């Protein structure tokens, strides 16, 4: 038939699309390769931060305890005496140490 148009020529995939898709795949691979270790590093950093916060809290409690002990050593003769007796094994005249 003379009025029929010829079929369009078969076309392959668009070259610019393939190049863009290839670039996108390479970019995705680079991102994944770089982000996964960063995520692990972040998790490790957060774990260390939590451990340091707990250590700081523990040290603050220890400091408060030591400050109370220092205050008692400075101002409480009974406490001073108990500490000296325990550390040196000293007794008052007429006392016996029983172990």
PDB file of N, CA and C in Angstrom:
ATOM      1  N   UNK A   1       0.811  -1.158   0.000  1.00  0.00           N
ATOM      2  CA  UNK A   1       0.000   0.000   0.000  1.00  0.00           C
ATOM      3  C   UNK A   1       0.866   1.237   0.000  1.00  0.00           C
ATOM      4  N   UNK A   2       0.474   2.071  -0.833  1.00  0.00           N
ATOM      5  CA  UNK A   2       1.273   3.251  -1.080  1.00  0.00           C
ATOM      6  C   UNK A   2       1.102   4.290   0.006  1.00  0.00           C
ATOM      7  N   UNK A   3      -0.007   4.338   0.718  1.00  0.00           N
ATOM      8  CA  UNK A   3      -0.256   5.370   1.712  1.00  0.00           C
ATOM      9  C   UNK A   3       0.284   5.016   3.088  1.00  0.00           C
ATOM     10  N   UNK A   4       0.723   3.800   3.225  1.00  0.00           N
ATOM     11  CA  UNK A   4       1.226   3.408   4.550  1.00  0.00           C
ATOM     12  C   UNK A   4       2.628   3.959   4.760  1.00  0.00           C
ATOM     13  N   UNK A   5       2.841   4.458   6.002  1.00  0.00           N
ATOM     14  CA  UNK A   5       4.164   4.980   6.339  1.00  0.00           C
ATOM     15  C   UNK A   5       5.065   3.820   6.708  1.00  0.00           C
ATOM     16  N   UNK A   6       6.332   3.924   6.389  1.00  0.00           N
ATOM     17  CA  UNK A   6       7.243   2.840   6.742  1.00  0.00           C
ATOM     18  C   UNK A   6       7.365   2.763   8.274  1.00  0.00           C
ATOM     19  N   UNK A   7       7.590   1.591   8.794  1.00  0.00           N
ATOM     20  CA  UNK A   7       7.740   1.482  10.254  1.00  0.00           C
ATOM     21  C   UNK A   7       8.966   2.263  10.709  1.00  0.00           C
ATOM     22  N   UNK A   8       8.895   2.805  11.928  1.00  0.00           N
ATOM     23  CA  UNK A   8      10.054   3.571  12.404  1.00  0.00           C
ATOM     24  C   UNK A   8      11.251   2.641  12.571  1.00  0.00           C
ATOM     25  N   UNK A   9      12.416   3.177  12.349  1.00  0.00           N
ATOM     26  CA  UNK A   9      13.598   2.329  12.488  1.00  0.00           C
ATOM     27  C   UNK A   9      13.774   1.907  13.957  1.00  0.00           C
ATOM     28  N   UNK A  10      14.223   0.706  14.177  1.00  0.00           N
ATOM     29  CA  UNK A  10      14.450   0.205  15.536  1.00  0.00           C
ATOM     30  C   UNK A  10      15.576   1.012  16.164  1.00  0.00           C
ATOM     31  N   UNK A  11      15.306   1.502  17.380  1.00  0.00           N
ATOM     32  CA  UNK A  11      16.313   2.318  18.065  1.00  0.00           C
ATOM     33  C   UNK A  11      16.814   1.579  19.292  1.00  0.00           C
ATOM     34  N   UNK A  12      18.069   1.680  19.542  1.00  0.00           N
ATOM     35  CA  UNK A  12      18.654   1.102  20.739  1.00  0.00           C
ATOM     36  C   UNK A  12      18.489   2.076  21.899  1.00  0.00           C
ATOM     37  N   UNK A  13      18.952   1.698  23.052  1.00  0.00           N
ATOM     38  CA  UNK A  13      18.842   2.587  24.197  1.00  0.00           C
ATOM     39  C   UNK A  13      19.600   3.883  23.929  1.00  0.00           C
ATOM     40  N   UNK A  14      19.080   4.943  24.479  1.00  0.00           N
ATOM     41  CA  UNK A  14      19.687   6.260  24.308  1.00  0.00           C
ATOM     42  C   UNK A  14      21.048   6.275  25.008  1.00  0.00           C
ATOM     43  N   UNK A  15      22.095   6.654  24.307  1.00  0.00           N
ATOM     44  CA  UNK A  15      23.454   6.633  24.852  1.00  0.00           C
ATOM     45  C   UNK A  15      23.603   7.569  26.044  1.00  0.00           C
ATOM     46  N   UNK A  16      23.008   8.741  26.003  1.00  0.00           N
ATOM     47  CA  UNK A  16      23.133   9.688  27.117  1.00  0.00           C
ATOM     48  C   UNK A  16      22.460   9.129  28.371  1.00  0.00           C
ATOM     49  N   UNK A  17      21.360   8.388  28.193  1.00  0.00           N
ATOM     50  CA  UNK A  17      20.695   7.762  29.333  1.00  0.00           C
ATOM     51  C   UNK A  17      21.597   6.704  29.962  1.00  0.00           C
ATOM     52  N   UNK A  18      22.246   5.893  29.136  1.00  0.00           N
ATOM     53  CA  UNK A  18      23.142   4.865  29.644  1.00  0.00           C
ATOM     54  C   UNK A  18      24.329   5.473  30.394  1.00  0.00           C
ATOM     55  N   UNK A  19      24.864   6.560  29.886  1.00  0.00           N
ATOM     56  CA  UNK A  19      25.990   7.229  30.551  1.00  0.00           C
ATOM     57  C   UNK A  19      25.531   7.779  31.897  1.00  0.00           C
ATOM     58  N   UNK A  20      24.355   8.413  31.912  1.00  0.00           N
ATOM     59  CA  UNK A  20      23.830   8.971  33.159  1.00  0.00           C
ATOM     60  C   UNK A  20      23.548   7.862  34.174  1.00  0.00           C
ATOM     61  N   UNK A  21      23.004   6.755  33.728  1.00  0.00           N
ATOM     62  CA  UNK A  21      22.718   5.637  34.623  1.00  0.00           C
ATOM     63  C   UNK A  21      24.022   5.050  35.170  1.00  0.00           C
ATOM     64  N   UNK A  22      25.026   4.945  34.315  1.00  0.00           N
ATOM     65  CA  UNK A  22      26.324   4.433  34.769  1.00  0.00           C
ATOM     66  C   UNK A  22      26.951   5.345  35.804  1.00  0.00           C
ATOM     67  N   UNK A  23      26.888   6.646  35.558  1.00  0.00           N
ATOM     68  CA  UNK A  23      27.425   7.610  36.525  1.00  0.00           C
ATOM     69  C   UNK A  23      26.669   7.508  37.848  1.00  0.00           C
ATOM     70  N   UNK A  24      25.343   7.363  37.774  1.00  0.00           N
ATOM     71  CA  UNK A  24      24.528   7.247  38.984  1.00  0.00           C
ATOM     72  C   UNK A  24      24.902   5.987  39.762  1.00  0.00           C
ATOM     73  N   UNK A  25      25.121   4.879  39.062  1.00  0.00           N
ATOM     74  CA  UNK A  25      25.516   3.642  39.737  1.00  0.00           C
ATOM     75  C   UNK A  25      26.879   3.775  40.418  1.00  0.00           C
ATOM     76  N   UNK A  26      27.820   4.397  39.739  1.00  0.00           N
ATOM     77  CA  UNK A  26      29.149   4.592  40.323  1.00  0.00           C
ATOM     78  C   UNK A  26      29.047   5.510  41.542  1.00  0.00           C
ATOM     79  N   UNK A  27      28.272   6.582  41.425  1.00  0.00           N
ATOM     80  CA  UNK A  27      28.101   7.505  42.550  1.00  0.00           C
ATOM     81  C   UNK A  27      27.461   6.787  43.738  1.00  0.00           C
ATOM     82  N   UNK A  28      26.455   5.956  43.469  1.00  0.00           N
ATOM     83  CA  UNK A  28      25.799   5.208  44.552  1.00  0.00           C
ATOM     84  C   UNK A  28      26.791   4.251  45.218  1.00  0.00           C
ATOM     85  N   UNK A  29      27.594   3.579  44.415  1.00  0.00           N
ATOM     86  CA  UNK A  29      28.579   2.653  44.973  1.00  0.00           C
ATOM     87  C   UNK A  29      29.596   3.392  45.835  1.00  0.00           C
ATOM     88  N   UNK A  30      30.048   4.549  45.382  1.00  0.00           N
ATOM     89  CA  UNK A  30      31.011   5.339  46.155  1.00  0.00           C
ATOM     90  C   UNK A  30      30.377   5.808  47.463  1.00  0.00           C
ATOM     91  N   UNK A  31      29.128   6.263  47.401  1.00  0.00           N
ATOM     92  CA  UNK A  31      28.444   6.708  48.618  1.00  0.00           C
ATOM     93  C   UNK A  31      28.311   5.575  49.628  1.00  0.00           C
ATOM     94  N   UNK A  32      27.871   4.418  49.162  1.00  0.00           N
ATOM     95  CA  UNK A  32      27.704   3.273  50.061  1.00  0.00           C
ATOM     96  C   UNK A  32      29.050   2.876  50.648  1.00  0.00           C
ATOM     97  N   UNK A  33      30.065   2.853  49.819  1.00  0.00           N
ATOM     98  CA  UNK A  33      31.398   2.475  50.290  1.00  0.00           C
ATOM     99  C   UNK A  33      31.918   3.439  51.341  1.00  0.00           C
ATOM    100  N   UNK A  34      31.591   4.719  51.206  1.00  0.00           N
ATOM    101  CA  UNK A  34      32.092   5.716  52.151  1.00  0.00           C
ATOM    102  C   UNK A  34      31.179   5.905  53.358  1.00  0.00           C
ATOM    103  N   UNK A  35      29.894   5.684  53.219  1.00  0.00           N
ATOM    104  CA  UNK A  35      28.969   5.934  54.315  1.00  0.00           C
ATOM    105  C   UNK A  35      28.910   4.796  55.324  1.00  0.00           C
ATOM    106  N   UNK A  36      29.068   3.565  54.892  1.00  0.00           N
ATOM    107  CA  UNK A  36      28.998   2.448  55.836  1.00  0.00           C
ATOM    108  C   UNK A  36      30.088   2.524  56.903  1.00  0.00           C
ATOM    109  N   UNK A  37      31.350   2.747  56.537  1.00  0.00           N
ATOM    110  CA  UNK A  37      32.364   2.898  57.593  1.00  0.00           C
ATOM    111  C   UNK A  37      32.088   4.124  58.471  1.00  0.00           C
ATOM    112  N   UNK A  38      31.577   5.195  57.881  1.00  0.00           N
ATOM    113  CA  UNK A  38      31.270   6.385  58.667  1.00  0.00           C
ATOM    114  C   UNK A  38      30.179   6.083  59.678  1.00  0.00           C
ATOM    115  N   UNK A  39      29.211   5.263  59.293  1.00  0.00           N
ATOM    116  CA  UNK A  39      28.142   4.893  60.213  1.00  0.00           C
ATOM    117  C   UNK A  39      28.704   4.063  61.369  1.00  0.00           C
ATOM    118  N   UNK A  40      29.605   3.134  61.063  1.00  0.00           N
ATOM    119  CA  UNK A  40      30.252   2.339  62.110  1.00  0.00           C
ATOM    120  C   UNK A  40      31.067   3.232  63.037  1.00  0.00           C
ATOM    121  N   UNK A  41      31.815   4.170  62.449  1.00  0.00           N
ATOM    122  CA  UNK A  41      32.619   5.091  63.253  1.00  0.00           C
ATOM    123  C   UNK A  41      31.729   5.932  64.161  1.00  0.00           C
ATOM    124  N   UNK A  42      30.607   6.388  63.640  1.00  0.00           N
ATOM    125  CA  UNK A  42      29.678   7.183  64.442  1.00  0.00           C
ATOM    126  C   UNK A  42      29.130   6.357  65.597  1.00  0.00           C
ATOM    127  N   UNK A  43      28.764   5.122  65.324  1.00  0.00           N
ATOM    128  CA  UNK A  43      28.249   4.247  66.387  1.00  0.00           C
ATOM    129  C   UNK A  43      29.312   4.039  67.462  1.00  0.00           C
ATOM    130  N   UNK A  44      30.543   3.808  67.057  1.00  0.00           N
ATOM    131  CA  UNK A  44      31.637   3.619  68.017  1.00  0.00           C
ATOM    132  C   UNK A  44      31.869   4.896  68.825  1.00  0.00           C
ATOM    133  N   UNK A  45      31.833   6.035  68.165  1.00  0.00           N
ATOM    134  CA  UNK A  45      32.008   7.309  68.855  1.00  0.00           C
ATOM    135  C   UNK A  45      30.900   7.536  69.868  1.00  0.00           C
ATOM    136  N   UNK A  46      29.671   7.208  69.507  1.00  0.00           N
ATOM    137  CA  UNK A  46      28.549   7.365  70.434  1.00  0.00           C
ATOM    138  C   UNK A  46      28.690   6.427  71.623  1.00  0.00           C
ATOM    139  N   UNK A  47      29.170   5.207  71.385  1.00  0.00           N
ATOM    140  CA  UNK A  47      29.411   4.265  72.485  1.00  0.00           C
ATOM    141  C   UNK A  47      30.483   4.804  73.434  1.00  0.00           C
ATOM    142  N   UNK A  48      31.565   5.317  72.861  1.00  0.00           N
ATOM    143  CA  UNK A  48      32.636   5.876  73.695  1.00  0.00           C
ATOM    144  C   UNK A  48      32.137   7.079  74.483  1.00  0.00           C
ATOM    145  N   UNK A  49      31.327   7.908  73.825  1.00  0.00           N
ATOM    146  CA  UNK A  49      30.780   9.086  74.508  1.00  0.00           C
ATOM    147  C   UNK A  49      29.919   8.664  75.700  1.00  0.00           C
ATOM    148  N   UNK A  50      29.080   7.650  75.521  1.00  0.00           N
ATOM    149  CA  UNK A  50      28.236   7.165  76.617  1.00  0.00           C
ATOM    150  C   UNK A  50      29.090   6.609  77.753  1.00  0.00           C
ATOM    151  N   UNK A  51      30.146   5.863  77.407  1.00  0.00           N
ATOM    152  CA  UNK A  51      31.050   5.330  78.437  1.00  0.00           C
ATOM    153  C   UNK A  51      31.747   6.457  79.198  1.00  0.00           C
ATOM    154  N   UNK A  52      32.159   7.508  78.472  1.00  0.00           N
ATOM    155  CA  UNK A  52      32.824   8.635  79.125  1.00  0.00           C
ATOM    156  C   UNK A  52      31.849   9.401  80.018  1.00  0.00           C
ATOM    157  N   UNK A  53      30.599   9.530  79.574  1.00  0.00           N
ATOM    158  CA  UNK A  53      29.596  10.202  80.419  1.00  0.00           C
ATOM    159  C   UNK A  53      29.395   9.436  81.723  1.00  0.00           C
ATOM    160  N   UNK A  54      29.328   8.105  81.625  1.00  0.00           N
ATOM    161  CA  UNK A  54      29.168   7.291  82.831  1.00  0.00           C
ATOM    162  C   UNK A  54      30.387   7.425  83.732  1.00  0.00           C
ATOM    163  N   UNK A  55      31.569   7.430  83.132  1.00  0.00           N
ATOM    164  CA  UNK A  55      32.792   7.582  83.916  1.00  0.00           C
ATOM    165  C   UNK A  55      32.823   8.942  84.615  1.00  0.00           C
ATOM    166  N   UNK A  56      32.403   9.987  83.917  1.00  0.00           N
ATOM    167  CA  UNK A  56      32.352  11.321  84.517  1.00  0.00           C
ATOM    168  C   UNK A  56      31.375  11.333  85.687  1.00  0.00           C
ATOM    169  N   UNK A  57      30.231  10.693  85.504  1.00  0.00           N
ATOM    170  CA  UNK A  57      29.239  10.620  86.580  1.00  0.00           C
ATOM    171  C   UNK A  57      29.812   9.873  87.790  1.00  0.00           C
ATOM    172  N   UNK A  58      30.472   8.753  87.534  1.00  0.00           N
ATOM    173  CA  UNK A  58      31.080   7.980  88.620  1.00  0.00           C
ATOM    174  C   UNK A  58      32.155   8.795  89.343  1.00  0.00           C
ATOM    175  N   UNK A  59      32.962   9.520  88.566  1.00  0.00           N
ATOM    176  CA  UNK A  59      34.012  10.337  89.174  1.00  0.00           C
ATOM    177  C   UNK A  59      33.422  11.487  89.988  1.00  0.00           C
ATOM    178  N   UNK A  60      32.317  12.052  89.536  1.00  0.00           N
ATOM    179  CA  UNK A  60      31.665  13.123  90.298  1.00  0.00           C
ATOM    180  C   UNK A  60      31.158  12.584  91.635  1.00  0.00           C
ATOM    181  N   UNK A  61      30.598  11.371  91.629  1.00  0.00           N
ATOM    182  CA  UNK A  61      30.145  10.751  92.886  1.00  0.00           C
ATOM    183  C   UNK A  61      31.331  10.494  93.807  1.00  0.00           C
ATOM    184  N   UNK A  62      32.419   9.986  93.243  1.00  0.00           N
ATOM    185  CA  UNK A  62      33.625   9.711  94.027  1.00  0.00           C
ATOM    186  C   UNK A  62      34.187  11.000  94.614  1.00  0.00           C
ATOM    187  N   UNK A  63      34.180  12.055  93.831  1.00  0.00           N
ATOM    188  CA  UNK A  63      34.675  13.344  94.307  1.00  0.00           C
ATOM    189  C   UNK A  63      33.822  13.845  95.475  1.00  0.00           C
ATOM    190  N   UNK A  64      32.508  13.739  95.347  1.00  0.00           N
ATOM    191  CA  UNK A  64      31.625  14.173  96.433  1.00  0.00           C
ATOM    192  C   UNK A  64      31.905  13.359  97.701  1.00  0.00           C
ATOM    193  N   UNK A  65      32.095  12.057  97.546  1.00  0.00           N
ATOM    194  CA  UNK A  65      32.402  11.200  98.697  1.00  0.00           C
ATOM    195  C   UNK A  65      33.721  11.612  99.339  1.00  0.00           C
ATOM    196  N   UNK A  66      34.736  11.874  98.515  1.00  0.00           N
ATOM    197  CA  UNK A  66      36.043  12.267  99.040  1.00  0.00           C
ATOM    198  C   UNK A  66      35.991  13.640  99.711  1.00  0.00           C
ATOM    199  N   UNK A  67      35.187  14.547  99.157  1.00  0.00           N
ATOM    200  CA  UNK A  67      35.045  15.859  99.783  1.00  0.00           C
ATOM    201  C   UNK A  67      34.385  15.735 101.156  1.00  0.00           C
ATOM    202  N   UNK A  68      33.386  14.857 101.269  1.00  0.00           N
ATOM    203  CA  UNK A  68      32.751  14.623 102.572  1.00  0.00           C
ATOM    204  C   UNK A  68      33.760  14.017 103.549  1.00  0.00           C
ATOM    205  N   UNK A  69      34.557  13.076 103.047  1.00  0.00           N
ATOM    206  CA  UNK A  69      35.573  12.446 103.894  1.00  0.00           C
ATOM    207  C   UNK A  69      36.601  13.481 104.339  1.00  0.00           C
ATOM    208  N   UNK A  70      37.013  14.352 103.430  1.00  0.00           N
ATOM    209  CA  UNK A  70      37.973  15.405 103.787  1.00  0.00           C
ATOM    210  C   UNK A  70      37.391  16.321 104.858  1.00  0.00           C
ATOM    211  N   UNK A  71      36.139  16.712 104.680  1.00  0.00           N
ATOM    212  CA  UNK A  71      35.483  17.576 105.664  1.00  0.00           C
ATOM    213  C   UNK A  71      35.443  16.898 107.032  1.00  0.00           C
ATOM    214  N   UNK A  72      35.130  15.615 107.061  1.00  0.00           N
ATOM    215  CA  UNK A  72      35.093  14.884 108.331  1.00  0.00           C
ATOM    216  C   UNK A  72      36.487  14.791 108.943  1.00  0.00           C
ATOM    217  N   UNK A  73      37.511  14.572 108.122  1.00  0.00           N
ATOM    218  CA  UNK A  73      38.880  14.492 108.647  1.00  0.00           C
ATOM    219  C   UNK A  73      39.330  15.828 109.228  1.00  0.00           C
ATOM    220  N   UNK A  74      38.854  16.913 108.654  1.00  0.00           N
ATOM    221  CA  UNK A  74      39.241  18.240 109.150  1.00  0.00           C
ATOM    222  C   UNK A  74      38.487  18.615 110.431  1.00  0.00           C
ATOM    223  N   UNK A  75      37.219  18.216 110.544  1.00  0.00           N
ATOM    224  CA  UNK A  75      36.369  18.782 111.585  1.00  0.00           C
ATOM    225  C   UNK A  75      35.769  17.793 112.584  1.00  0.00           C
ATOM    226  N   UNK A  76      35.899  16.504 112.370  1.00  0.00           N
ATOM    227  CA  UNK A  76      35.243  15.528 113.248  1.00  0.00           C
ATOM    228  C   UNK A  76      36.306  14.723 113.986  1.00  0.00           C
ATOM    229  N   UNK A  77      36.561  15.067 115.262  1.00  0.00           N
ATOM    230  CA  UNK A  77      37.604  14.352 116.007  1.00  0.00           C
ATOM    231  C   UNK A  77      37.317  12.853 116.133  1.00  0.00           C
ATOM    232  N   UNK A  78      36.066  12.474 116.263  1.00  0.00           N
ATOM    233  CA  UNK A  78      35.744  11.053 116.360  1.00  0.00           C
ATOM    234  C   UNK A  78      36.109  10.308 115.084  1.00  0.00           C
ATOM    235  N   UNK A  79      35.836  10.910 113.950  1.00  0.00           N
ATOM    236  CA  UNK A  79      36.180  10.285 112.670  1.00  0.00           C
ATOM    237  C   UNK A  79      37.705  10.225 112.519  1.00  0.00           C
ATOM    238  N   UNK A  80      38.378  11.317 112.907  1.00  0.00           N
ATOM    239  CA  UNK A  80      39.837  11.338 112.836  1.00  0.00           C
ATOM    240  C   UNK A  80      40.421  10.190 113.647  1.00  0.00           C
ATOM    241  N   UNK A  81      39.874   9.989 114.835  1.00  0.00           N
ATOM    242  CA  UNK A  81      40.369   8.933 115.704  1.00  0.00           C
ATOM    243  C   UNK A  81      40.125   7.551 115.097  1.00  0.00           C
ATOM    244  N   UNK A  82      38.939   7.337 114.545  1.00  0.00           N
ATOM    245  CA  UNK A  82      38.632   6.030 113.932  1.00  0.00           C
ATOM    246  C   UNK A  82      39.587   5.734 112.774  1.00  0.00           C
ATOM    247  N   UNK A  83      39.846   6.749 111.951  1.00  0.00           N
ATOM    248  CA  UNK A  83      40.739   6.556 110.798  1.00  0.00           C
ATOM    249  C   UNK A  83      42.152   6.243 111.287  1.00  0.00           C
ATOM    250  N   UNK A  84      42.651   6.988 112.248  1.00  0.00           N
ATOM    251  CA  UNK A  84      44.003   6.746 112.763  1.00  0.00           C
ATOM    252  C   UNK A  84      44.128   5.358 113.383  1.00  0.00           C
ATOM    253  N   UNK A  85      43.118   4.966 114.128  1.00  0.00           N
ATOM    254  CA  UNK A  85      43.167   3.642 114.750  1.00  0.00           C
ATOM    255  C   UNK A  85      43.181   2.546 113.688  1.00  0.00           C
ATOM    256  N   UNK A  86      42.332   2.713 112.673  1.00  0.00           N
ATOM    257  CA  UNK A  86      42.240   1.681 111.626  1.00  0.00           C
ATOM    258  C   UNK A  86      43.544   1.613 110.826  1.00  0.00           C
ATOM    259  N   UNK A  87      44.116   2.766 110.506  1.00  0.00           N
ATOM    260  CA  UNK A  87      45.308   2.766 109.654  1.00  0.00           C
ATOM    261  C   UNK A  87      46.588   2.409 110.405  1.00  0.00           C
ATOM    262  N   UNK A  88      46.671   2.765 111.645  1.00  0.00           N
ATOM    263  CA  UNK A  88      47.928   2.541 112.366  1.00  0.00           C
ATOM    264  C   UNK A  88      47.854   1.394 113.367  1.00  0.00           C
ATOM    265  N   UNK A  89      46.634   0.977 113.707  1.00  0.00           N
ATOM    266  CA  UNK A  89      46.492  -0.081 114.698  1.00  0.00           C
ATOM    267  C   UNK A  89      46.732   0.417 116.112  1.00  0.00           C
ATOM    268  N   UNK A  90      46.704   1.733 116.305  1.00  0.00           N
ATOM    269  CA  UNK A  90      46.947   2.303 117.627  1.00  0.00           C
ATOM    270  C   UNK A  90      45.721   2.109 118.520  1.00  0.00           C
ATOM    271  N   UNK A  91      45.979   2.088 119.818  1.00  0.00           N
ATOM    272  CA  UNK A  91      44.894   1.960 120.788  1.00  0.00           C
ATOM    273  C   UNK A  91      45.024   3.042 121.846  1.00  0.00           C
ATOM    274  N   UNK A  92      43.953   3.248 122.542  1.00  0.00           N
ATOM    275  CA  UNK A  92      43.979   4.155 123.691  1.00  0.00           C
ATOM    276  C   UNK A  92      44.605   3.371 124.855  1.00  0.00           C
ATOM    277  N   UNK A  93      45.156   4.052 125.834  1.00  0.00           N
ATOM    278  CA  UNK A  93      45.744   3.360 126.981  1.00  0.00           C
ATOM    279  C   UNK A  93      44.699   2.460 127.649  1.00  0.00           C
ATOM    280  N   UNK A  94      45.070   1.218 127.880  1.00  0.00           N
ATOM    281  CA  UNK A  94      44.196   0.266 128.533  1.00  0.00           C
ATOM    282  C   UNK A  94      43.318  -0.530 127.581  1.00  0.00           C
ATOM    283  N   UNK A  95      43.338  -0.223 126.281  1.00  0.00           N
ATOM    284  CA  UNK A  95      42.525  -0.976 125.296  1.00  0.00           C
ATOM    285  C   UNK A  95      43.313  -2.151 124.756  1.00  0.00           C
ATOM    286  N   UNK A  96      42.579  -3.159 124.323  1.00  0.00           N
ATOM    287  CA  UNK A  96      43.181  -4.334 123.701  1.00  0.00           C
ATOM    288  C   UNK A  96      42.592  -4.475 122.294  1.00  0.00           C
ATOM    289  N   UNK A  97      43.419  -4.868 121.341  1.00  0.00           N
ATOM    290  CA  UNK A  97      42.931  -5.117 119.974  1.00  0.00           C
ATOM    291  C   UNK A  97      42.592  -6.588 119.871  1.00  0.00           C
ATOM    292  N   UNK A  98      41.368  -6.854 119.474  1.00  0.00           N
ATOM    293  CA  UNK A  98      40.908  -8.238 119.307  1.00  0.00           C
ATOM    294  C   UNK A  98      40.613  -8.444 117.812  1.00  0.00           C
ATOM    295  N   UNK A  99      41.229  -9.475 117.258  1.00  0.00           N
ATOM    296  CA  UNK A  99      41.012  -9.744 115.822  1.00  0.00           C
ATOM    297  C   UNK A  99      40.477 -11.114 115.618  1.00  0.00           C
TER     298      UNK A  99
END
